[in-house]
Structure formats: structure tokens, C-alpha cells
Amino acid sequence: MHANVQAQVRPQARSGFLREGNPRPVLNAALRLARARRGTLALVLEAEGPTYAAPGAMAAFDGLQGPVAGWLTGGSMEAELARRAAEADASGHLEWLQFDGQGGGRAGAGEGWTGQLRIALLPLRSLPGVEEPLAAWLEGGVSLRRSLSRDGRVRIEADGRPLPAWHVPAATPAWRDAASAWSLSLLRQPQVLLLGAGPETPPLLRLLRDLGWRSRAGEHRPEWMPACAAADSRGFDPSGCDAALVMHHAFEADRLALQRLAASDVPFIGLLGPAARRDGLLGQLSAGERGALEGRLHAPVGLDLGGRGPEAIALGIAAQLQAWRSGREASAPDA
């Protein structure tokens, strides 16, 4: 039974995970600009065909400096996007923009993609109070819904709770067959709990942050607490976490962590170390605890991408979590 724990896991689509990649840098920049009463938030409303961005993707602009954070066209048309964003910032009006990679819109063909993007340019100074929903999302645990209409009505809701709403001056979208309204969700940030730390923890935390995860570090040993400095929060509570990683490099501490997680509802549990160690740990658990972990325990955790050392281990773990949250997981080797 022990050897089959990894094999029981099946890839499946995840609901409640970010489809936009990692919006945190964009919303951090937008929050800073909104507090300064300047800047523009670009929001993709529609995407057709091969494009670099999907509906809901965002970029933040500060005048003509180009994107402060986020890319919507792969860099090929960001200068034009920045110019239009600066116009929206100066006028305080909601602007509409269409890019056509085939040359049918403002952009010429041959830009590396052949689809179509329709974008709203939201001047942040015309959205007083927008800092509240931006900060709520960045603090974690909250999903947002962004609603826009052709007449310039903008609303943001946090988990169904209405937050600020605005009526921004807006022209009619230039493209034909424009929808009358759009409603785009921004799902909460996924959260991972690290139980224990080791030399792979610092690079792992950096990778997970860049991929859009919030991290909670549970480590009580003084010698390893500095390795958790980049975590978003500290604590051992698995509630609200989408994934947990057991990585104490200490048998008894890992056994206790697995017992705690067996009683939780965390859907992904990763255990660091070889298969023989995994089997030894599972042998110390009750039949009920082993049954509770079955289908959730990924052991050994991390994809084998080649290489050795803390950085390679961190990369393998981050890659498996990224694949898992996208429903595209390939199992780690049973080594």
C-alpha cells in the first residue's frame, strides 16, 4: 500500500486557482499608483485566437514609462499601449483599445501573434477608494470580481461583498460587435504551508512567490527560522491552505506533521525525501491516517528535472505545484 500512495494521485482541473498567472506585481504597482493618484490599470476584456494574454490579465502603467508591471502583448506593442495608457491617465477617461495581430487593428502583422485583444484602460485617479479592494486581494484569502460596462460603470466586489463603484467618463468602444458589459473574476492567491525548513527553503519561497503563491512557514527550530524569512506569514495551521510541504529533514518531526495533515482537508501534501523514507514514515501512522492521506500525498515531492542541490530540489517542487494547480501534473519518480 505504501508504495502506491504516489500512484493514487490523478491530475484534475483545479477550481479556485489563478488563471492569470501571478497578478501580485501588477496589483502591488496599481496600489502604489492609486495612492499617488496617478497611473493606469490595463485590463484585458476579450481575447480571440493566439495571444499573450487572456481575459482578466492586467498591466499597470505610470505615464509614458511603459508598464510598471505586467505584459499584455509580449512586448511587441507595449509602447503603443503605454502611450494610450498615458492619455487615459491625463484625461481621467476610461479608454478602449483593440490590438489585432493580423494587422486589422492598430497593430501591424508580424508581431509574433495573430490573435486579437480588447483592452480597457482604467485611470486610477478616477477610481477613488480602489485601494481597498486591491489591498484586500493582496492580503490574501479574497477573490475579486471586476465588472465594467460600455457607459463607464465600474464595480469591484470581494467575495460577493460590494466594494467601491464608479462612473468614469468613457467613449464608445471603437470595435464593432462590442459587448455591453464584462464581468471578470480574479481568484484568490493559492496558499502553501511549509512545515519545516532546509537549505532548499529560500529558493523555493522565491520561486513560489514569483509563480503567484502565498506562503506560510511553520518552523520552530531557531537554526532554520532565518531560512523562512521570505514567507508571507508564519504559523503551523493548515486551514485555508491549498498545499502543504513536509520538509523538516527530521523523521519524528515529519511523522508528527503527517499526522496533523491527515486530519486536515489540504488537497496537496508533499513529503520531501526518498520512497524508502516515505514508507518508513507511513509505517508509523495508523491505518486511518494512511487512508486519510491516500490520494493527497505526493511522495517523494518534486519533479525530477535533473541536477542536484537545494536550487534543483526547489525547482522540482515548484514545478510540480505549478503543474498540479493547472491540472497538468506528471508524477515524480518513485526513487
Protein backbone atom coordinates (compact mmCIF):
# COMPACT_ATOMS: atom_id res chain seq x y z
CA MET A 1 0.00 0.00 0.00
CA HIS A 2 2.76 2.41 0.93
CA ALA A 3 4.35 2.25 -2.50
CA ASN A 4 1.04 3.11 -4.14
CA VAL A 5 0.48 6.43 -2.39
CA GLN A 6 2.04 8.44 -5.22
CA ALA A 7 0.29 6.43 -7.91
CA GLN A 8 -3.16 7.12 -6.43
CA VAL A 9 -2.93 10.81 -7.38
CA ARG A 10 -4.68 11.74 -10.62
CA PRO A 11 -4.35 15.04 -12.50
CA GLN A 12 -7.53 17.09 -12.42
CA ALA A 13 -8.58 20.64 -13.17
CA ARG A 14 -8.41 22.95 -10.17
CA SER A 15 -11.10 25.48 -9.43
CA GLY A 16 -10.15 28.34 -7.16
CA PHE A 17 -6.66 28.85 -8.61
CA LEU A 18 -5.28 31.74 -10.56
CA ARG A 19 -5.73 31.54 -14.31
CA GLU A 20 -3.95 34.87 -14.79
CA GLY A 21 -0.53 33.61 -13.69
CA ASN A 22 0.74 35.92 -10.96
CA PRO A 23 -1.14 39.26 -10.78
CA ARG A 24 0.51 40.25 -7.49
CA PRO A 25 3.23 42.50 -9.02
CA VAL A 26 0.60 44.30 -11.11
CA LEU A 27 -1.73 44.91 -8.18
CA ASN A 28 1.16 45.97 -5.95
CA ALA A 29 2.11 48.56 -8.57
CA ALA A 30 -1.52 49.62 -9.08
CA LEU A 31 -1.98 50.07 -5.33
CA ARG A 32 1.12 52.27 -5.13
CA LEU A 33 -0.01 54.35 -8.11
CA ALA A 34 -3.59 54.68 -6.82
CA ARG A 35 -2.29 56.03 -3.53
CA ALA A 36 -0.33 58.61 -5.52
CA ARG A 37 -3.48 59.45 -7.56
CA ARG A 38 -1.91 58.64 -10.91
CA GLY A 39 -1.32 55.78 -13.33
CA THR A 40 -3.48 53.44 -15.40
CA LEU A 41 -4.61 49.86 -14.98
CA ALA A 42 -4.97 47.99 -18.29
CA LEU A 43 -7.46 45.12 -18.18
CA VAL A 44 -7.94 42.57 -20.96
CA LEU A 45 -11.67 42.21 -21.63
CA GLU A 46 -11.65 39.82 -24.56
CA ALA A 47 -9.08 37.68 -26.36
CA GLU A 48 -9.52 35.78 -29.58
CA GLY A 49 -7.05 33.43 -31.24
CA PRO A 50 -3.36 33.14 -30.28
CA THR A 51 -2.45 35.95 -27.86
CA TYR A 52 -0.05 36.51 -24.99
CA ALA A 53 -2.80 37.41 -22.53
CA ALA A 54 -6.19 36.00 -21.53
CA PRO A 55 -9.31 37.87 -20.38
CA GLY A 56 -8.71 39.21 -16.90
CA ALA A 57 -4.97 39.77 -17.38
CA MET A 58 -3.68 43.17 -16.26
CA ALA A 59 -0.77 45.58 -16.56
CA ALA A 60 -0.03 48.77 -14.63
CA PHE A 61 1.31 51.91 -16.34
CA ASP A 62 2.81 55.11 -14.98
CA GLY A 63 2.75 57.80 -17.65
CA LEU A 64 4.98 57.15 -20.65
CA GLN A 65 7.42 54.99 -18.72
CA GLY A 66 5.85 51.85 -20.10
CA PRO A 67 4.46 49.05 -17.97
CA VAL A 68 5.46 49.24 -14.33
CA ALA A 69 4.32 45.63 -14.01
CA GLY A 70 2.70 43.13 -16.34
CA TRP A 71 2.89 42.42 -20.08
CA LEU A 72 -0.11 42.00 -22.35
CA THR A 73 1.38 41.80 -25.85
CA GLY A 74 4.66 40.02 -25.18
CA GLY A 75 6.47 43.35 -25.56
CA SER A 76 5.62 43.79 -29.25
CA MET A 77 3.07 46.57 -28.78
CA GLU A 78 3.68 47.77 -25.23
CA ALA A 79 4.91 51.18 -26.45
CA GLU A 80 1.55 51.87 -28.11
CA LEU A 81 -0.25 50.54 -25.07
CA ALA A 82 1.84 52.80 -22.81
CA ARG A 83 1.05 55.82 -25.00
CA ARG A 84 -2.68 55.18 -24.82
CA ALA A 85 -2.46 54.47 -21.08
CA ALA A 86 -0.78 57.84 -20.58
CA GLU A 87 -3.64 59.52 -22.48
CA ALA A 88 -6.18 57.83 -20.20
CA ASP A 89 -4.20 58.91 -17.16
CA ALA A 90 -4.09 62.53 -18.36
CA SER A 91 -7.76 62.74 -19.30
CA GLY A 92 -9.19 60.70 -16.45
CA HIS A 93 -11.39 58.92 -19.00
CA LEU A 94 -11.88 55.20 -19.48
CA GLU A 95 -10.29 54.32 -22.83
CA TRP A 96 -10.86 51.27 -25.03
CA LEU A 97 -8.12 49.71 -27.12
CA GLN A 98 -8.05 46.90 -29.65
CA PHE A 99 -4.91 45.14 -30.87
CA ASP A 100 -5.09 42.88 -33.89
CA GLY A 101 -2.03 40.72 -34.51
CA GLN A 102 -3.12 40.16 -38.12
CA GLY A 103 -2.97 43.84 -38.95
CA GLY A 104 -6.69 44.56 -38.85
CA GLY A 105 -6.43 46.91 -35.87
CA ARG A 106 -3.93 49.45 -34.58
CA ALA A 107 -1.05 46.98 -34.65
CA GLY A 108 0.60 45.62 -37.76
CA ALA A 109 1.01 41.98 -38.65
CA GLY A 110 4.14 40.02 -37.93
CA GLU A 111 4.27 40.86 -34.24
CA GLY A 112 4.66 37.25 -33.16
CA TRP A 113 0.98 36.55 -32.51
CA THR A 114 -2.10 36.56 -34.71
CA GLY A 115 -4.99 36.97 -32.29
CA GLN A 116 -6.98 39.92 -31.08
CA LEU A 117 -7.04 41.72 -27.73
CA ARG A 118 -9.67 44.15 -26.47
CA ILE A 119 -8.49 46.16 -23.51
CA ALA A 120 -9.95 48.69 -21.08
CA LEU A 121 -7.61 51.41 -19.78
CA LEU A 122 -8.74 52.50 -16.31
CA PRO A 123 -7.29 55.78 -14.97
CA LEU A 124 -6.66 55.10 -11.30
CA ARG A 125 -7.25 58.70 -10.20
CA SER A 126 -10.84 58.32 -11.44
CA LEU A 127 -11.37 55.36 -9.10
CA PRO A 128 -11.20 56.88 -5.60
CA GLY A 129 -11.14 54.17 -2.98
CA VAL A 130 -9.87 51.48 -5.35
CA GLU A 131 -7.07 50.91 -2.86
CA GLU A 132 -9.47 48.97 -0.62
CA PRO A 133 -10.18 46.04 -2.96
CA LEU A 134 -6.59 45.99 -4.25
CA ALA A 135 -5.23 45.75 -0.71
CA ALA A 136 -7.84 43.14 0.27
CA TRP A 137 -6.73 40.85 -2.55
CA LEU A 138 -3.04 41.37 -1.84
CA GLU A 139 -3.52 40.49 1.81
CA GLY A 140 -4.77 37.06 0.72
CA GLY A 141 -7.87 34.93 1.04
CA VAL A 142 -10.15 37.14 -1.08
CA SER A 143 -11.38 36.77 -4.66
CA LEU A 144 -12.44 39.80 -6.68
CA ARG A 145 -14.97 40.32 -9.45
CA ARG A 146 -14.31 43.23 -11.79
CA SER A 147 -17.35 44.49 -13.71
CA LEU A 148 -17.33 47.11 -16.47
CA SER A 149 -19.97 48.44 -18.85
CA ARG A 150 -19.70 50.42 -22.08
CA ASP A 151 -21.04 53.55 -20.41
CA GLY A 152 -18.12 53.64 -17.98
CA ARG A 153 -19.66 52.00 -14.93
CA VAL A 154 -17.01 50.11 -12.96
CA ARG A 155 -17.62 47.92 -9.93
CA ILE A 156 -15.41 45.65 -7.84
CA GLU A 157 -16.74 43.00 -5.46
CA ALA A 158 -14.74 40.98 -2.94
CA ASP A 159 -16.21 37.51 -2.39
CA GLY A 160 -19.65 38.86 -3.24
CA ARG A 161 -19.36 41.86 -0.91
CA PRO A 162 -19.79 45.11 -2.87
CA LEU A 163 -16.84 47.46 -2.63
CA PRO A 164 -16.44 50.84 -4.36
CA ALA A 165 -18.31 51.53 -7.61
CA TRP A 166 -17.59 54.33 -10.06
CA HIS A 167 -18.98 56.00 -13.17
CA VAL A 168 -15.99 57.04 -15.27
CA PRO A 169 -16.36 59.18 -18.42
CA ALA A 170 -15.97 56.82 -21.38
CA ALA A 171 -16.24 56.93 -25.14
CA THR A 172 -17.96 54.15 -27.08
CA PRO A 173 -15.60 51.26 -27.91
CA ALA A 174 -14.30 51.63 -31.45
CA TRP A 175 -14.68 47.99 -32.39
CA ARG A 176 -17.84 46.52 -33.81
CA ASP A 177 -19.99 43.95 -32.02
CA ALA A 178 -18.80 45.24 -28.66
CA ALA A 179 -20.40 43.62 -25.65
CA SER A 180 -22.43 45.88 -23.41
CA ALA A 181 -20.72 44.72 -20.21
CA TRP A 182 -17.95 42.50 -18.93
CA SER A 183 -17.53 40.60 -15.66
CA LEU A 184 -14.12 39.14 -14.89
CA SER A 185 -13.11 37.20 -11.80
CA LEU A 186 -9.73 37.43 -10.10
CA LEU A 187 -9.42 34.37 -7.92
CA ARG A 188 -7.67 34.44 -4.60
CA GLN A 189 -4.00 33.66 -4.32
CA PRO A 190 -3.29 29.96 -3.62
CA GLN A 191 -1.53 29.35 -0.31
CA VAL A 192 1.10 26.80 0.58
CA LEU A 193 2.17 25.77 4.10
CA LEU A 194 5.81 24.78 4.61
CA LEU A 195 6.21 22.54 7.64
CA GLY A 196 9.92 22.52 8.36
CA ALA A 197 12.79 24.16 6.53
CA GLY A 198 16.10 23.26 4.99
CA PRO A 199 18.64 24.61 2.50
CA GLU A 200 16.07 24.39 -0.32
CA THR A 201 13.58 26.67 1.51
CA PRO A 202 14.90 30.13 0.47
CA PRO A 203 14.97 29.39 -3.29
CA LEU A 204 11.64 27.57 -3.02
CA LEU A 205 9.95 30.54 -1.36
CA ARG A 206 11.27 32.87 -4.05
CA LEU A 207 10.04 30.61 -6.86
CA LEU A 208 6.60 30.12 -5.33
CA ARG A 209 6.17 33.84 -4.80
CA ASP A 210 7.07 34.52 -8.43
CA LEU A 211 4.51 31.90 -9.51
CA GLY A 212 1.73 33.58 -7.53
CA TRP A 213 1.59 31.55 -4.31
CA ARG A 214 1.31 32.97 -0.81
CA SER A 215 3.40 31.07 1.70
CA ARG A 216 3.05 30.25 5.38
CA ALA A 217 6.11 28.90 7.19
CA GLY A 218 5.82 26.56 10.17
CA GLU A 219 9.27 26.20 11.67
CA HIS A 220 10.19 26.31 15.36
CA ARG A 221 13.89 25.37 15.24
CA PRO A 222 15.98 28.53 15.73
CA GLU A 223 18.70 27.42 13.32
CA TRP A 224 16.23 27.14 10.42
CA MET A 225 13.92 30.07 11.10
CA PRO A 226 16.07 32.52 9.05
CA ALA A 227 15.51 30.29 6.00
CA CYS A 228 11.81 31.22 6.20
CA ALA A 229 12.39 34.98 6.11
CA ALA A 230 10.73 35.36 2.69
CA ALA A 231 7.46 33.68 3.75
CA ASP A 232 4.34 35.84 3.72
CA SER A 233 3.33 34.66 7.19
CA ARG A 234 4.33 32.29 9.99
CA GLY A 235 2.32 29.53 11.59
CA PHE A 236 1.54 25.82 11.64
CA ASP A 237 -2.21 25.95 10.96
CA PRO A 238 -3.09 24.19 7.65
CA SER A 239 -6.59 25.69 7.44
CA GLY A 240 -7.14 27.67 4.28
CA CYS A 241 -4.07 26.18 2.60
CA ASP A 242 -4.19 24.60 -0.83
CA ALA A 243 -0.93 22.72 -0.41
CA ALA A 244 1.38 21.69 2.42
CA LEU A 245 5.02 20.62 2.18
CA VAL A 246 6.57 18.43 4.87
CA MET A 247 10.30 19.09 4.80
CA HIS A 248 11.89 19.05 8.25
CA HIS A 249 14.76 16.72 7.28
CA ALA A 250 13.90 15.09 10.63
CA PHE A 251 11.98 11.80 10.83
CA GLU A 252 9.97 12.39 14.01
CA ALA A 253 9.03 15.96 13.09
CA ASP A 254 7.85 14.78 9.67
CA ARG A 255 5.80 11.99 11.29
CA LEU A 256 4.01 14.46 13.52
CA ALA A 257 3.39 16.78 10.57
CA LEU A 258 1.84 13.96 8.53
CA GLN A 259 -0.44 13.08 11.43
CA ARG A 260 -1.62 16.67 11.64
CA LEU A 261 -2.17 16.92 7.90
CA ALA A 262 -4.06 13.61 7.79
CA ALA A 263 -6.74 15.31 9.89
CA SER A 264 -6.84 18.36 7.60
CA ASP A 265 -8.54 18.94 4.24
CA VAL A 266 -5.41 20.20 2.44
CA PRO A 267 -5.71 18.72 -1.09
CA PHE A 268 -1.98 18.54 -1.90
CA ILE A 269 0.52 17.22 0.66
CA GLY A 270 4.14 16.93 -0.41
CA LEU A 271 6.74 14.94 1.52
CA LEU A 272 10.44 15.54 0.91
CA GLY A 273 12.77 12.56 0.80
CA PRO A 274 13.14 9.19 -0.95
CA ALA A 275 10.47 6.49 -1.23
CA ALA A 276 12.09 4.27 1.43
CA ARG A 277 11.85 7.10 3.97
CA ARG A 278 8.24 7.73 2.96
CA ASP A 279 7.37 4.10 3.57
CA GLY A 280 9.06 4.21 6.96
CA LEU A 281 7.04 7.24 7.95
CA LEU A 282 3.76 5.76 6.72
CA GLY A 283 4.52 2.62 8.71
CA GLN A 284 4.45 4.75 11.87
CA LEU A 285 0.95 6.06 11.14
CA SER A 286 -2.35 4.38 11.89
CA ALA A 287 -4.36 2.74 9.14
CA GLY A 288 -6.89 5.56 9.40
CA GLU A 289 -4.19 8.20 8.99
CA ARG A 290 -2.72 6.44 5.98
CA GLY A 291 -6.17 6.19 4.44
CA ALA A 292 -6.77 9.90 5.04
CA LEU A 293 -3.54 10.75 3.19
CA GLU A 294 -4.20 8.48 0.23
CA GLY A 295 -4.87 10.43 -2.94
CA ARG A 296 -3.38 13.59 -1.43
CA LEU A 297 0.17 12.60 -0.53
CA HIS A 298 2.82 13.30 -3.16
CA ALA A 299 5.93 11.47 -2.01
CA PRO A 300 8.63 11.98 -2.94
CA VAL A 301 7.58 15.53 -3.77
CA GLY A 302 9.15 17.34 -6.70
CA LEU A 303 9.61 16.57 -10.38
CA ASP A 304 12.97 15.16 -11.46
CA LEU A 305 14.21 17.91 -13.76
CA GLY A 306 17.87 16.98 -13.45
CA GLY A 307 20.59 18.43 -11.27
CA ARG A 308 21.37 18.28 -7.58
CA GLY A 309 21.44 20.64 -4.66
CA PRO A 310 18.93 22.95 -2.94
CA GLU A 311 18.11 25.00 -6.05
CA ALA A 312 17.33 21.93 -8.17
CA ILE A 313 15.15 20.49 -5.39
CA ALA A 314 13.29 23.80 -5.05
CA LEU A 315 12.74 23.99 -8.80
CA GLY A 316 11.34 20.45 -8.92
CA ILE A 317 8.90 21.14 -6.08
CA ALA A 318 7.76 24.46 -7.55
CA ALA A 319 7.30 22.84 -10.96
CA GLN A 320 5.13 20.06 -9.51
CA LEU A 321 2.95 22.54 -7.62
CA GLN A 322 2.58 24.65 -10.75
CA ALA A 323 1.58 21.60 -12.82
CA TRP A 324 -0.78 20.36 -10.10
CA ARG A 325 -2.65 23.63 -9.76
CA SER A 326 -3.08 23.68 -13.55
CA GLY A 327 -4.33 20.09 -13.69
CA ARG A 328 -1.31 19.01 -15.73
CA GLU A 329 0.72 17.10 -13.18
CA ALA A 330 3.26 14.46 -14.08
CA SER A 331 4.15 12.25 -11.14
CA ALA A 332 7.55 12.45 -9.51
CA PRO A 333 9.75 9.35 -9.80
CA ASP A 334 9.43 6.67 -7.13
CA ALA A 335 13.06 6.89 -6.07
